[in-house]
Amino acid sequence: CHYLCGGILIDEMGKTSISRLYAAGECTNSGLHGANRLASNSLLEGLVFADRIHQDILLKIDQIEIEKNIPAWNAEGTTEPKEMVLITQSLKELKEIMSNYVGIVRTDVRLKRAMDRLHLLYKETEVLYTTTIISPQLCELRNLITNAYLITKAAEMRKESRGLHYNTDHPDQ
């Protein structure tokens, strides 16, 4: 969560700007504790907002339409991912990209390098996704790459340093 600490704007019920998507904890910007967090603050905030989200969902659960006519997954033309090492290595690479280039201290050059590497990982992973049978590990990798891209893009767009998001190229708030 430190990559995106305080980055997701939520309302008093934990709702984000995306319909039916809630967030709680360190990733959120609730306005309760400012840009910096202490562990006890984020823990308390996570508990409070988890309860609020739960209550809000219970009020609306009967209004949500669930699609029941989803066809079975068609894996025709795909193969077993015999080389799981491709997925595990990409996951390792993704973690290193985020730690080395999109950590708490950032620069424009590091963020650009991260975007370039993420784009390559994305392309490689999409090839696996379209040519092999889907696995939980492959789906997790795709989701993590998407999150990493969004976090890095948001960091690129930020032309200031605030809280623990420090860009040496843009040191002022």
N, C-alpha and C. Protein backbone atom coordinates (compact mmCIF):
# COMPACT_ATOMS: atom_id res chain seq x y z
N CYS A 1 0.80 -1.21 0.00
CA CYS A 1 0.00 0.00 0.00
C CYS A 1 0.84 1.27 0.00
N HIS A 2 2.10 1.19 0.36
CA HIS A 2 2.90 2.41 0.44
C HIS A 2 3.05 3.08 -0.92
N TYR A 3 2.96 2.31 -2.00
CA TYR A 3 3.06 2.91 -3.32
C TYR A 3 1.93 3.91 -3.54
N LEU A 4 0.77 3.62 -2.98
CA LEU A 4 -0.42 4.41 -3.24
C LEU A 4 -1.01 4.97 -1.96
N CYS A 5 -0.26 5.00 -0.90
CA CYS A 5 -0.77 5.46 0.39
C CYS A 5 -1.47 6.80 0.24
N GLY A 6 -2.72 6.82 0.61
CA GLY A 6 -3.49 8.06 0.56
C GLY A 6 -3.90 8.49 -0.83
N GLY A 7 -3.85 7.61 -1.80
CA GLY A 7 -4.10 8.01 -3.17
C GLY A 7 -5.50 7.79 -3.71
N ILE A 8 -6.31 6.96 -3.06
CA ILE A 8 -7.65 6.68 -3.57
C ILE A 8 -8.66 7.52 -2.78
N LEU A 9 -9.28 8.46 -3.45
CA LEU A 9 -10.25 9.33 -2.81
C LEU A 9 -11.53 8.56 -2.53
N ILE A 10 -12.00 8.62 -1.28
CA ILE A 10 -13.25 7.95 -0.91
C ILE A 10 -14.16 8.92 -0.19
N ASP A 11 -15.44 8.56 -0.14
CA ASP A 11 -16.38 9.38 0.62
C ASP A 11 -16.52 8.79 2.03
N GLU A 12 -17.49 9.28 2.79
CA GLU A 12 -17.63 8.85 4.19
C GLU A 12 -18.06 7.40 4.34
N MET A 13 -18.50 6.76 3.23
CA MET A 13 -18.88 5.35 3.28
C MET A 13 -17.84 4.44 2.64
N GLY A 14 -16.72 5.00 2.21
CA GLY A 14 -15.66 4.21 1.59
C GLY A 14 -15.83 4.02 0.10
N LYS A 15 -16.77 4.75 -0.52
CA LYS A 15 -17.01 4.62 -1.96
C LYS A 15 -15.95 5.40 -2.74
N THR A 16 -15.52 4.82 -3.85
CA THR A 16 -14.60 5.50 -4.76
C THR A 16 -15.42 6.12 -5.89
N SER A 17 -14.76 6.68 -6.87
CA SER A 17 -15.47 7.27 -8.02
C SER A 17 -15.93 6.20 -9.00
N ILE A 18 -15.54 4.95 -8.79
CA ILE A 18 -15.97 3.84 -9.65
C ILE A 18 -17.16 3.15 -9.00
N SER A 19 -18.24 3.03 -9.74
CA SER A 19 -19.46 2.44 -9.22
C SER A 19 -19.21 1.08 -8.58
N ARG A 20 -19.71 0.88 -7.36
CA ARG A 20 -19.63 -0.36 -6.59
C ARG A 20 -18.21 -0.77 -6.23
N LEU A 21 -17.26 0.17 -6.28
CA LEU A 21 -15.90 -0.13 -5.84
C LEU A 21 -15.62 0.67 -4.58
N TYR A 22 -15.27 -0.04 -3.52
CA TYR A 22 -14.98 0.57 -2.23
C TYR A 22 -13.48 0.42 -1.94
N ALA A 23 -12.98 1.23 -1.03
CA ALA A 23 -11.60 1.10 -0.58
C ALA A 23 -11.53 1.46 0.90
N ALA A 24 -10.59 0.83 1.59
CA ALA A 24 -10.38 1.10 3.02
C ALA A 24 -8.92 0.90 3.36
N GLY A 25 -8.45 1.64 4.35
CA GLY A 25 -7.09 1.44 4.85
C GLY A 25 -6.09 2.41 4.26
N GLU A 26 -4.81 1.99 4.23
CA GLU A 26 -3.72 2.88 3.84
C GLU A 26 -3.81 3.41 2.42
N CYS A 27 -4.47 2.70 1.53
CA CYS A 27 -4.54 3.14 0.13
C CYS A 27 -5.48 4.33 -0.05
N THR A 28 -6.27 4.67 0.96
CA THR A 28 -7.30 5.68 0.78
C THR A 28 -6.91 7.08 1.20
N ASN A 29 -7.63 8.03 0.63
CA ASN A 29 -7.56 9.43 1.03
C ASN A 29 -8.94 9.78 1.57
N SER A 30 -9.11 9.54 2.86
CA SER A 30 -10.41 9.79 3.48
C SER A 30 -10.51 11.20 4.03
N GLY A 31 -9.37 11.87 4.17
CA GLY A 31 -9.35 13.20 4.76
C GLY A 31 -9.26 13.19 6.27
N LEU A 32 -9.23 12.02 6.86
CA LEU A 32 -9.20 11.95 8.32
C LEU A 32 -7.82 12.20 8.92
N HIS A 33 -6.77 11.80 8.23
CA HIS A 33 -5.43 11.89 8.81
C HIS A 33 -4.42 12.61 7.93
N GLY A 34 -4.84 13.24 6.86
CA GLY A 34 -3.91 13.95 6.00
C GLY A 34 -3.10 13.03 5.12
N ALA A 35 -2.00 13.54 4.57
CA ALA A 35 -1.19 12.77 3.62
C ALA A 35 -0.29 11.75 4.30
N ASN A 36 0.05 11.94 5.56
CA ASN A 36 0.90 11.00 6.27
C ASN A 36 0.07 10.12 7.17
N ARG A 37 0.54 8.91 7.39
CA ARG A 37 -0.19 7.97 8.21
C ARG A 37 0.71 7.41 9.29
N LEU A 38 0.12 7.10 10.42
CA LEU A 38 0.76 6.30 11.44
C LEU A 38 0.06 4.95 11.42
N ALA A 39 0.75 3.90 11.76
CA ALA A 39 0.16 2.57 11.68
C ALA A 39 -1.15 2.48 12.45
N SER A 40 -1.21 3.08 13.63
CA SER A 40 -2.43 2.99 14.43
C SER A 40 -3.58 3.75 13.76
N ASN A 41 -3.28 4.86 13.10
CA ASN A 41 -4.33 5.60 12.39
C ASN A 41 -4.91 4.78 11.26
N SER A 42 -4.04 4.20 10.42
CA SER A 42 -4.54 3.47 9.26
C SER A 42 -5.28 2.20 9.69
N LEU A 43 -4.83 1.58 10.77
CA LEU A 43 -5.53 0.39 11.27
C LEU A 43 -6.93 0.76 11.73
N LEU A 44 -7.04 1.81 12.53
CA LEU A 44 -8.35 2.26 13.01
C LEU A 44 -9.24 2.67 11.83
N GLU A 45 -8.65 3.41 10.90
CA GLU A 45 -9.40 3.85 9.73
C GLU A 45 -9.88 2.66 8.90
N GLY A 46 -9.02 1.66 8.75
CA GLY A 46 -9.40 0.46 8.01
C GLY A 46 -10.58 -0.25 8.66
N LEU A 47 -10.56 -0.35 9.98
CA LEU A 47 -11.65 -1.00 10.70
C LEU A 47 -12.95 -0.21 10.58
N VAL A 48 -12.87 1.10 10.77
CA VAL A 48 -14.07 1.95 10.70
C VAL A 48 -14.68 1.89 9.30
N PHE A 49 -13.83 2.06 8.27
CA PHE A 49 -14.37 2.08 6.92
C PHE A 49 -14.81 0.69 6.45
N ALA A 50 -14.15 -0.36 6.93
CA ALA A 50 -14.61 -1.72 6.59
C ALA A 50 -16.04 -1.92 7.10
N ASP A 51 -16.31 -1.44 8.30
CA ASP A 51 -17.66 -1.56 8.85
C ASP A 51 -18.65 -0.71 8.05
N ARG A 52 -18.26 0.52 7.72
CA ARG A 52 -19.15 1.39 6.93
C ARG A 52 -19.44 0.79 5.56
N ILE A 53 -18.42 0.24 4.93
CA ILE A 53 -18.60 -0.39 3.62
C ILE A 53 -19.55 -1.58 3.74
N HIS A 54 -19.34 -2.39 4.75
CA HIS A 54 -20.20 -3.54 5.00
C HIS A 54 -21.66 -3.10 5.14
N GLN A 55 -21.89 -2.08 5.96
CA GLN A 55 -23.25 -1.58 6.18
C GLN A 55 -23.85 -1.04 4.88
N ASP A 56 -23.07 -0.32 4.09
CA ASP A 56 -23.56 0.25 2.84
C ASP A 56 -23.93 -0.84 1.84
N ILE A 57 -23.10 -1.87 1.76
CA ILE A 57 -23.37 -2.98 0.85
C ILE A 57 -24.64 -3.71 1.27
N LEU A 58 -24.82 -3.93 2.58
CA LEU A 58 -26.03 -4.62 3.05
C LEU A 58 -27.29 -3.86 2.66
N LEU A 59 -27.22 -2.52 2.67
CA LEU A 59 -28.38 -1.72 2.29
C LEU A 59 -28.71 -1.85 0.80
N LYS A 60 -27.72 -2.13 -0.02
CA LYS A 60 -27.90 -2.11 -1.48
C LYS A 60 -27.86 -3.48 -2.13
N ILE A 61 -27.59 -4.53 -1.39
CA ILE A 61 -27.35 -5.84 -1.98
C ILE A 61 -28.54 -6.34 -2.81
N ASP A 62 -29.75 -6.03 -2.39
CA ASP A 62 -30.92 -6.48 -3.13
C ASP A 62 -31.14 -5.72 -4.42
N GLN A 63 -30.49 -4.57 -4.59
CA GLN A 63 -30.66 -3.76 -5.80
C GLN A 63 -29.69 -4.14 -6.90
N ILE A 64 -28.71 -4.98 -6.58
CA ILE A 64 -27.67 -5.33 -7.56
C ILE A 64 -28.15 -6.50 -8.41
N GLU A 65 -28.12 -6.31 -9.71
CA GLU A 65 -28.48 -7.38 -10.63
C GLU A 65 -27.25 -8.22 -10.92
N ILE A 66 -27.40 -9.53 -10.76
CA ILE A 66 -26.29 -10.44 -11.01
C ILE A 66 -26.57 -11.18 -12.31
N GLU A 67 -25.61 -11.12 -13.21
CA GLU A 67 -25.74 -11.81 -14.50
C GLU A 67 -25.66 -13.31 -14.28
N LYS A 68 -26.67 -14.02 -14.75
CA LYS A 68 -26.71 -15.47 -14.53
C LYS A 68 -26.42 -16.27 -15.79
N ASN A 69 -26.44 -15.64 -16.94
CA ASN A 69 -26.25 -16.35 -18.20
C ASN A 69 -24.83 -16.19 -18.75
N ILE A 70 -23.86 -16.38 -17.90
CA ILE A 70 -22.47 -16.26 -18.33
C ILE A 70 -22.06 -17.60 -18.93
N PRO A 71 -21.58 -17.59 -20.17
CA PRO A 71 -21.19 -18.85 -20.81
C PRO A 71 -19.95 -19.45 -20.15
N ALA A 72 -19.80 -20.75 -20.29
CA ALA A 72 -18.62 -21.43 -19.75
C ALA A 72 -17.37 -20.90 -20.47
N TRP A 73 -16.26 -20.91 -19.75
CA TRP A 73 -14.99 -20.44 -20.32
C TRP A 73 -14.59 -21.34 -21.48
N ASN A 74 -14.22 -20.74 -22.60
CA ASN A 74 -13.79 -21.49 -23.77
C ASN A 74 -12.27 -21.43 -23.86
N ALA A 75 -11.61 -22.52 -23.53
CA ALA A 75 -10.14 -22.57 -23.57
C ALA A 75 -9.63 -23.20 -24.85
N GLU A 76 -10.51 -23.30 -25.87
CA GLU A 76 -10.10 -23.90 -27.14
C GLU A 76 -8.95 -23.11 -27.76
N GLY A 77 -7.94 -23.84 -28.23
CA GLY A 77 -6.81 -23.18 -28.88
C GLY A 77 -5.72 -22.74 -27.92
N THR A 78 -5.89 -23.03 -26.64
CA THR A 78 -4.86 -22.65 -25.67
C THR A 78 -4.14 -23.90 -25.19
N THR A 79 -3.04 -23.71 -24.54
CA THR A 79 -2.27 -24.83 -24.02
C THR A 79 -2.01 -24.62 -22.54
N GLU A 80 -1.62 -25.69 -21.87
CA GLU A 80 -1.24 -25.58 -20.46
C GLU A 80 -0.01 -24.69 -20.34
N PRO A 81 0.04 -23.83 -19.31
CA PRO A 81 1.25 -23.03 -19.14
C PRO A 81 2.38 -23.90 -18.58
N LYS A 82 3.07 -24.60 -19.49
CA LYS A 82 4.13 -25.53 -19.08
C LYS A 82 5.29 -24.81 -18.41
N GLU A 83 5.47 -23.57 -18.77
CA GLU A 83 6.58 -22.82 -18.21
C GLU A 83 6.06 -21.80 -17.20
N MET A 84 5.66 -22.29 -16.05
CA MET A 84 5.16 -21.43 -14.97
C MET A 84 6.24 -20.43 -14.55
N VAL A 85 7.50 -20.77 -14.85
CA VAL A 85 8.61 -19.89 -14.50
C VAL A 85 8.44 -18.52 -15.18
N LEU A 86 7.79 -18.46 -16.33
CA LEU A 86 7.56 -17.18 -17.00
C LEU A 86 6.68 -16.27 -16.13
N ILE A 87 5.68 -16.86 -15.51
CA ILE A 87 4.77 -16.10 -14.66
C ILE A 87 5.49 -15.69 -13.37
N THR A 88 6.16 -16.64 -12.73
CA THR A 88 6.82 -16.32 -11.47
C THR A 88 7.96 -15.32 -11.66
N GLN A 89 8.68 -15.41 -12.77
CA GLN A 89 9.75 -14.45 -13.02
C GLN A 89 9.17 -13.06 -13.30
N SER A 90 8.07 -12.99 -14.04
CA SER A 90 7.43 -11.70 -14.30
C SER A 90 6.94 -11.07 -13.01
N LEU A 91 6.41 -11.87 -12.12
CA LEU A 91 5.96 -11.37 -10.82
C LEU A 91 7.14 -10.80 -10.02
N LYS A 92 8.24 -11.52 -10.03
CA LYS A 92 9.45 -11.05 -9.34
C LYS A 92 9.93 -9.74 -9.95
N GLU A 93 9.92 -9.68 -11.27
CA GLU A 93 10.35 -8.47 -11.97
C GLU A 93 9.44 -7.28 -11.64
N LEU A 94 8.14 -7.54 -11.59
CA LEU A 94 7.18 -6.49 -11.27
C LEU A 94 7.45 -5.92 -9.88
N LYS A 95 7.69 -6.79 -8.91
CA LYS A 95 7.99 -6.33 -7.55
C LYS A 95 9.24 -5.46 -7.53
N GLU A 96 10.26 -5.87 -8.28
CA GLU A 96 11.51 -5.10 -8.32
C GLU A 96 11.32 -3.75 -9.01
N ILE A 97 10.54 -3.72 -10.06
CA ILE A 97 10.25 -2.45 -10.76
C ILE A 97 9.59 -1.48 -9.79
N MET A 98 8.57 -1.94 -9.09
CA MET A 98 7.84 -1.05 -8.19
C MET A 98 8.71 -0.61 -7.02
N SER A 99 9.51 -1.51 -6.46
CA SER A 99 10.36 -1.14 -5.33
C SER A 99 11.48 -0.19 -5.74
N ASN A 100 12.10 -0.47 -6.88
CA ASN A 100 13.26 0.33 -7.29
C ASN A 100 12.91 1.67 -7.93
N TYR A 101 11.79 1.74 -8.64
CA TYR A 101 11.49 2.94 -9.42
C TYR A 101 10.28 3.73 -8.94
N VAL A 102 9.37 3.09 -8.19
CA VAL A 102 8.14 3.76 -7.78
C VAL A 102 7.99 3.70 -6.26
N GLY A 103 9.11 3.66 -5.56
CA GLY A 103 9.09 3.64 -4.10
C GLY A 103 8.75 5.02 -3.56
N ILE A 104 9.01 5.21 -2.30
CA ILE A 104 8.67 6.47 -1.65
C ILE A 104 9.42 7.64 -2.27
N VAL A 105 10.73 7.46 -2.54
CA VAL A 105 11.50 8.50 -3.22
C VAL A 105 11.53 8.16 -4.71
N ARG A 106 11.05 9.11 -5.51
CA ARG A 106 10.90 8.88 -6.95
C ARG A 106 11.57 10.00 -7.73
N THR A 107 11.81 9.74 -9.00
CA THR A 107 12.26 10.78 -9.93
C THR A 107 11.49 10.58 -11.23
N ASP A 108 11.46 11.59 -12.05
CA ASP A 108 10.78 11.46 -13.34
C ASP A 108 11.42 10.37 -14.19
N VAL A 109 12.75 10.26 -14.13
CA VAL A 109 13.46 9.24 -14.92
C VAL A 109 13.09 7.84 -14.44
N ARG A 110 13.05 7.64 -13.13
CA ARG A 110 12.67 6.33 -12.60
C ARG A 110 11.25 5.95 -12.99
N LEU A 111 10.35 6.92 -12.91
CA LEU A 111 8.95 6.65 -13.27
C LEU A 111 8.82 6.30 -14.75
N LYS A 112 9.57 6.98 -15.59
CA LYS A 112 9.55 6.68 -17.03
C LYS A 112 10.09 5.27 -17.27
N ARG A 113 11.17 4.94 -16.59
CA ARG A 113 11.75 3.60 -16.74
C ARG A 113 10.75 2.54 -16.27
N ALA A 114 10.08 2.81 -15.17
CA ALA A 114 9.07 1.88 -14.67
C ALA A 114 7.97 1.68 -15.72
N MET A 115 7.49 2.77 -16.32
CA MET A 115 6.43 2.65 -17.34
C MET A 115 6.91 1.82 -18.52
N ASP A 116 8.14 2.04 -18.94
CA ASP A 116 8.69 1.26 -20.07
C ASP A 116 8.73 -0.22 -19.74
N ARG A 117 9.21 -0.55 -18.54
CA ARG A 117 9.31 -1.96 -18.12
C ARG A 117 7.91 -2.57 -17.94
N LEU A 118 6.99 -1.79 -17.38
CA LEU A 118 5.63 -2.29 -17.19
C LEU A 118 4.96 -2.59 -18.53
N HIS A 119 5.22 -1.74 -19.51
CA HIS A 119 4.63 -1.97 -20.84
C HIS A 119 5.15 -3.30 -21.43
N LEU A 120 6.42 -3.56 -21.27
CA LEU A 120 6.99 -4.82 -21.76
C LEU A 120 6.39 -6.01 -21.02
N LEU A 121 6.28 -5.92 -19.70
CA LEU A 121 5.66 -7.00 -18.93
C LEU A 121 4.21 -7.22 -19.34
N TYR A 122 3.51 -6.11 -19.58
CA TYR A 122 2.12 -6.21 -20.02
C TYR A 122 2.01 -6.98 -21.33
N LYS A 123 2.84 -6.62 -22.31
CA LYS A 123 2.79 -7.28 -23.61
C LYS A 123 3.10 -8.77 -23.49
N GLU A 124 4.13 -9.11 -22.73
CA GLU A 124 4.50 -10.52 -22.54
C GLU A 124 3.38 -11.29 -21.85
N THR A 125 2.77 -10.68 -20.86
CA THR A 125 1.72 -11.35 -20.10
C THR A 125 0.46 -11.54 -20.94
N GLU A 126 0.15 -10.58 -21.78
CA GLU A 126 -1.02 -10.72 -22.66
C GLU A 126 -0.84 -11.86 -23.65
N VAL A 127 0.38 -12.08 -24.10
CA VAL A 127 0.64 -13.23 -24.99
C VAL A 127 0.35 -14.52 -24.23
N LEU A 128 0.84 -14.62 -23.01
CA LEU A 128 0.54 -15.80 -22.19
C LEU A 128 -0.96 -15.96 -21.98
N TYR A 129 -1.63 -14.85 -21.71
CA TYR A 129 -3.06 -14.89 -21.42
C TYR A 129 -3.87 -15.40 -22.61
N THR A 130 -3.43 -15.05 -23.81
CA THR A 130 -4.20 -15.46 -25.00
C THR A 130 -3.78 -16.81 -25.56
N THR A 131 -2.67 -17.38 -25.06
CA THR A 131 -2.20 -18.64 -25.64
C THR A 131 -2.15 -19.79 -24.66
N THR A 132 -2.42 -19.55 -23.38
CA THR A 132 -2.38 -20.63 -22.40
C THR A 132 -3.69 -20.69 -21.62
N ILE A 133 -3.91 -21.80 -20.98
CA ILE A 133 -5.09 -21.94 -20.13
C ILE A 133 -4.91 -21.02 -18.92
N ILE A 134 -5.97 -20.32 -18.58
CA ILE A 134 -5.93 -19.33 -17.51
C ILE A 134 -5.65 -20.02 -16.17
N SER A 135 -4.78 -19.41 -15.39
CA SER A 135 -4.47 -19.92 -14.05
C SER A 135 -4.65 -18.76 -13.07
N PRO A 136 -4.84 -19.07 -11.80
CA PRO A 136 -4.93 -18.00 -10.80
C PRO A 136 -3.68 -17.13 -10.79
N GLN A 137 -2.51 -17.74 -10.97
CA GLN A 137 -1.26 -16.99 -10.96
C GLN A 137 -1.19 -16.00 -12.13
N LEU A 138 -1.65 -16.42 -13.29
CA LEU A 138 -1.63 -15.54 -14.46
C LEU A 138 -2.63 -14.39 -14.29
N CYS A 139 -3.80 -14.69 -13.76
CA CYS A 139 -4.78 -13.62 -13.51
C CYS A 139 -4.26 -12.64 -12.47
N GLU A 140 -3.62 -13.15 -11.42
CA GLU A 140 -3.04 -12.28 -10.41
C GLU A 140 -1.97 -11.38 -11.03
N LEU A 141 -1.12 -11.95 -11.87
CA LEU A 141 -0.07 -11.16 -12.51
C LEU A 141 -0.67 -10.05 -13.37
N ARG A 142 -1.69 -10.36 -14.14
CA ARG A 142 -2.35 -9.34 -14.98
C ARG A 142 -2.92 -8.22 -14.12
N ASN A 143 -3.59 -8.59 -13.03
CA ASN A 143 -4.17 -7.58 -12.14
C ASN A 143 -3.09 -6.72 -11.49
N LEU A 144 -2.00 -7.34 -11.07
CA LEU A 144 -0.91 -6.59 -10.44
C LEU A 144 -0.25 -5.63 -11.44
N ILE A 145 -0.11 -6.06 -12.67
CA ILE A 145 0.47 -5.18 -13.70
C ILE A 145 -0.46 -3.98 -13.93
N THR A 146 -1.76 -4.22 -13.97
CA THR A 146 -2.72 -3.13 -14.14
C THR A 146 -2.61 -2.14 -12.97
N ASN A 147 -2.57 -2.67 -11.75
CA ASN A 147 -2.44 -1.79 -10.58
C ASN A 147 -1.13 -1.03 -10.61
N ALA A 148 -0.05 -1.70 -10.96
CA ALA A 148 1.26 -1.05 -11.02
C ALA A 148 1.25 0.08 -12.05
N TYR A 149 0.60 -0.17 -13.19
CA TYR A 149 0.50 0.87 -14.22
C TYR A 149 -0.26 2.08 -13.68
N LEU A 150 -1.39 1.85 -13.05
CA LEU A 150 -2.21 2.95 -12.53
C LEU A 150 -1.47 3.75 -11.46
N ILE A 151 -0.77 3.05 -10.59
CA ILE A 151 0.00 3.72 -9.54
C ILE A 151 1.12 4.55 -10.16
N THR A 152 1.82 3.97 -11.12
CA THR A 152 2.94 4.68 -11.75
C THR A 152 2.45 5.86 -12.56
N LYS A 153 1.35 5.70 -13.26
CA LYS A 153 0.78 6.80 -14.05
C LYS A 153 0.37 7.95 -13.13
N ALA A 154 -0.26 7.62 -12.01
CA ALA A 154 -0.65 8.66 -11.06
C ALA A 154 0.58 9.37 -10.51
N ALA A 155 1.64 8.61 -10.25
CA ALA A 155 2.88 9.21 -9.74
C ALA A 155 3.51 10.12 -10.79
N GLU A 156 3.45 9.72 -12.07
CA GLU A 156 3.97 10.57 -13.15
C GLU A 156 3.20 11.88 -13.26
N MET A 157 1.90 11.82 -13.05
CA MET A 157 1.06 13.00 -13.17
C MET A 157 1.25 13.97 -12.01
N ARG A 158 1.69 13.48 -10.87
CA ARG A 158 1.88 14.32 -9.67
C ARG A 158 3.15 15.13 -9.84
N LYS A 159 3.01 16.42 -9.89
CA LYS A 159 4.16 17.32 -10.05
C LYS A 159 4.45 18.06 -8.76
N GLU A 160 4.38 17.34 -7.65
CA GLU A 160 4.66 17.89 -6.33
C GLU A 160 5.05 16.74 -5.42
N SER A 161 5.58 17.09 -4.27
CA SER A 161 5.84 16.09 -3.23
C SER A 161 4.88 16.38 -2.09
N ARG A 162 4.21 15.33 -1.62
CA ARG A 162 3.24 15.50 -0.55
C ARG A 162 3.25 14.22 0.29
N GLY A 163 3.34 14.43 1.60
CA GLY A 163 3.35 13.27 2.48
C GLY A 163 4.54 12.38 2.16
N LEU A 164 4.27 11.09 2.00
CA LEU A 164 5.38 10.19 1.71
C LEU A 164 5.61 9.99 0.22
N HIS A 165 4.91 10.72 -0.63
CA HIS A 165 5.16 10.66 -2.07
C HIS A 165 6.16 11.76 -2.41
N TYR A 166 7.43 11.40 -2.46
CA TYR A 166 8.47 12.40 -2.66
C TYR A 166 9.15 12.20 -4.01
N ASN A 167 9.04 13.21 -4.87
CA ASN A 167 9.71 13.18 -6.17
C ASN A 167 10.81 14.25 -6.12
N THR A 168 12.05 13.82 -6.25
CA THR A 168 13.16 14.77 -6.14
C THR A 168 13.16 15.81 -7.25
N ASP A 169 12.47 15.52 -8.35
CA ASP A 169 12.34 16.50 -9.43
C ASP A 169 11.26 17.55 -9.15
N HIS A 170 10.40 17.26 -8.20
CA HIS A 170 9.31 18.17 -7.82
C HIS A 170 9.21 18.20 -6.29
N PRO A 171 10.20 18.81 -5.61
CA PRO A 171 10.25 18.71 -4.15
C PRO A 171 9.22 19.52 -3.39
N ASP A 172 8.62 20.51 -4.04
CA ASP A 172 7.69 21.38 -3.31
C ASP A 172 6.28 20.82 -3.32
N GLN A 173 5.53 21.22 -2.31
CA GLN A 173 4.13 20.80 -2.20
C GLN A 173 3.26 21.67 -3.09
